[in-house]
Amino acid sequence: MCRSASHWQTNLLPTVSLAGSFQAEQASYRGIQFDNAQSPFTLTNLIWSLPQLRLSRPEGQVQASYSSHLHTRDFSWQVQGQVDPRIL
């Protein structure tokens, strides 16, 4: 079974391409609560991307862009908004 998983990750995953969007009410990520979260997303060439992430909290809103490489785990965040950065 491990061999199958490795084969899938090596040969199939790099060819996967996804695109869509999500919207969630009363969401949380790593313990940080949000009233609303929404973004389009893509997965292509092993890059997971949320280019227009919008988060709402009682004290304000955050606009962000996130990308991550699935194999290297390199990632990038660009964040701006009216929320205290210490909560992030």
C-alpha atoms as a PDB file:
ATOM      1  CA  MET A   1       0.000   0.000   0.000  1.00  0.00           C
ATOM      2  CA  CYS A   2       2.818   2.446   0.712  1.00  0.00           C
ATOM      3  CA  ARG A   3       4.152   1.801  -2.757  1.00  0.00           C
ATOM      4  CA  SER A   4       0.757   2.741  -4.247  1.00  0.00           C
ATOM      5  CA  ALA A   5       0.620   5.948  -2.224  1.00  0.00           C
ATOM      6  CA  SER A   6       4.128   6.884  -3.291  1.00  0.00           C
ATOM      7  CA  HIS A   7       3.303   6.087  -6.927  1.00  0.00           C
ATOM      8  CA  TRP A   8       0.175   8.260  -6.749  1.00  0.00           C
ATOM      9  CA  GLN A   9       2.020  11.190  -5.185  1.00  0.00           C
ATOM     10  CA  THR A  10       4.911  10.959  -7.606  1.00  0.00           C
ATOM     11  CA  ASN A  11       3.093  10.316 -10.872  1.00  0.00           C
ATOM     12  CA  LEU A  12      -0.489  11.498 -10.548  1.00  0.00           C
ATOM     13  CA  LEU A  13      -0.509  14.406  -8.106  1.00  0.00           C
ATOM     14  CA  PRO A  14       1.681  16.681 -10.290  1.00  0.00           C
ATOM     15  CA  THR A  15      -0.920  16.360 -13.075  1.00  0.00           C
ATOM     16  CA  VAL A  16      -3.916  17.284 -10.897  1.00  0.00           C
ATOM     17  CA  SER A  17      -5.549  20.615 -11.632  1.00  0.00           C
ATOM     18  CA  LEU A  18      -8.417  22.009  -9.543  1.00  0.00           C
ATOM     19  CA  ALA A  19     -10.216  25.334  -9.462  1.00  0.00           C
ATOM     20  CA  GLY A  20     -13.134  26.515  -7.413  1.00  0.00           C
ATOM     21  CA  SER A  21     -14.204  28.749  -4.574  1.00  0.00           C
ATOM     22  CA  PHE A  22     -15.460  28.440  -1.027  1.00  0.00           C
ATOM     23  CA  GLN A  23     -17.395  30.466   1.490  1.00  0.00           C
ATOM     24  CA  ALA A  24     -17.718  29.554   5.149  1.00  0.00           C
ATOM     25  CA  GLU A  25     -19.558  31.122   8.073  1.00  0.00           C
ATOM     26  CA  GLN A  26     -18.206  30.910  11.636  1.00  0.00           C
ATOM     27  CA  ALA A  27     -14.899  29.427  10.465  1.00  0.00           C
ATOM     28  CA  SER A  28     -11.570  28.918  12.181  1.00  0.00           C
ATOM     29  CA  TYR A  29      -8.036  28.145  11.079  1.00  0.00           C
ATOM     30  CA  ARG A  30      -5.394  27.021  13.560  1.00  0.00           C
ATOM     31  CA  GLY A  31      -7.497  28.313  16.418  1.00  0.00           C
ATOM     32  CA  ILE A  32      -8.203  31.760  14.923  1.00  0.00           C
ATOM     33  CA  GLN A  33     -11.948  32.411  14.683  1.00  0.00           C
ATOM     34  CA  PHE A  34     -13.569  34.218  11.737  1.00  0.00           C
ATOM     35  CA  ASP A  35     -17.174  35.250  11.135  1.00  0.00           C
ATOM     36  CA  ASN A  36     -16.768  34.691   7.399  1.00  0.00           C
ATOM     37  CA  ALA A  37     -14.073  33.285   5.124  1.00  0.00           C
ATOM     38  CA  GLN A  38     -14.164  33.147   1.327  1.00  0.00           C
ATOM     39  CA  SER A  39     -11.803  32.773  -1.604  1.00  0.00           C
ATOM     40  CA  PRO A  40     -11.357  31.304  -5.027  1.00  0.00           C
ATOM     41  CA  PHE A  41      -8.712  28.547  -5.026  1.00  0.00           C
ATOM     42  CA  THR A  42      -6.552  26.619  -7.465  1.00  0.00           C
ATOM     43  CA  LEU A  43      -4.271  23.618  -7.358  1.00  0.00           C
ATOM     44  CA  THR A  44      -1.968  23.214 -10.328  1.00  0.00           C
ATOM     45  CA  ASN A  45       1.659  22.116 -10.763  1.00  0.00           C
ATOM     46  CA  LEU A  46       1.699  21.167  -7.058  1.00  0.00           C
ATOM     47  CA  ILE A  47       0.935  24.779  -6.078  1.00  0.00           C
ATOM     48  CA  TRP A  48      -2.084  25.338  -3.816  1.00  0.00           C
ATOM     49  CA  SER A  49      -3.295  28.951  -4.107  1.00  0.00           C
ATOM     50  CA  LEU A  50      -5.923  31.139  -2.444  1.00  0.00           C
ATOM     51  CA  PRO A  51      -5.343  34.393  -4.342  1.00  0.00           C
ATOM     52  CA  GLN A  52      -8.216  36.503  -2.955  1.00  0.00           C
ATOM     53  CA  LEU A  53      -8.842  35.278   0.576  1.00  0.00           C
ATOM     54  CA  ARG A  54     -11.251  37.498   2.506  1.00  0.00           C
ATOM     55  CA  LEU A  55     -11.744  37.040   6.239  1.00  0.00           C
ATOM     56  CA  SER A  56     -14.147  38.907   8.516  1.00  0.00           C
ATOM     57  CA  ARG A  57     -13.879  39.289  12.273  1.00  0.00           C
ATOM     58  CA  PRO A  58     -15.769  41.566  14.666  1.00  0.00           C
ATOM     59  CA  GLU A  59     -12.930  44.125  14.672  1.00  0.00           C
ATOM     60  CA  GLY A  60     -12.437  44.262  10.905  1.00  0.00           C
ATOM     61  CA  GLN A  61     -11.593  42.501   7.687  1.00  0.00           C
ATOM     62  CA  VAL A  62      -8.475  40.912   6.233  1.00  0.00           C
ATOM     63  CA  GLN A  63      -7.581  40.505   2.572  1.00  0.00           C
ATOM     64  CA  ALA A  64      -4.885  37.940   1.911  1.00  0.00           C
ATOM     65  CA  SER A  65      -3.156  35.868  -0.720  1.00  0.00           C
ATOM     66  CA  TYR A  66      -1.698  32.452   0.083  1.00  0.00           C
ATOM     67  CA  SER A  67       0.265  29.914  -1.926  1.00  0.00           C
ATOM     68  CA  SER A  68       2.048  26.716  -0.970  1.00  0.00           C
ATOM     69  CA  HIS A  69       4.057  24.054  -2.794  1.00  0.00           C
ATOM     70  CA  LEU A  70       2.763  20.620  -1.799  1.00  0.00           C
ATOM     71  CA  HIS A  71       6.128  18.822  -1.945  1.00  0.00           C
ATOM     72  CA  THR A  72       8.612  21.429  -0.737  1.00  0.00           C
ATOM     73  CA  ARG A  73       6.138  22.990   1.712  1.00  0.00           C
ATOM     74  CA  ASP A  74       7.445  26.427   0.754  1.00  0.00           C
ATOM     75  CA  PHE A  75       4.687  28.972   1.311  1.00  0.00           C
ATOM     76  CA  SER A  76       3.892  32.643   0.975  1.00  0.00           C
ATOM     77  CA  TRP A  77       1.353  34.895   2.690  1.00  0.00           C
ATOM     78  CA  GLN A  78       0.486  38.488   1.772  1.00  0.00           C
ATOM     79  CA  VAL A  79      -1.880  40.006   4.320  1.00  0.00           C
ATOM     80  CA  GLN A  80      -3.461  43.409   4.785  1.00  0.00           C
ATOM     81  CA  GLY A  81      -6.380  44.532   6.860  1.00  0.00           C
ATOM     82  CA  GLN A  82      -7.755  46.069  10.018  1.00  0.00           C
ATOM     83  CA  VAL A  83      -7.244  43.150  12.392  1.00  0.00           C
ATOM     84  CA  ASP A  84      -4.674  43.113  15.181  1.00  0.00           C
ATOM     85  CA  PRO A  85      -1.754  41.112  13.703  1.00  0.00           C
ATOM     86  CA  ARG A  86      -1.024  39.518  17.086  1.00  0.00           C
ATOM     87  CA  ILE A  87      -4.082  37.287  16.655  1.00  0.00           C
ATOM     88  CA  LEU A  88      -2.606  35.877  13.451  1.00  0.00           C
END
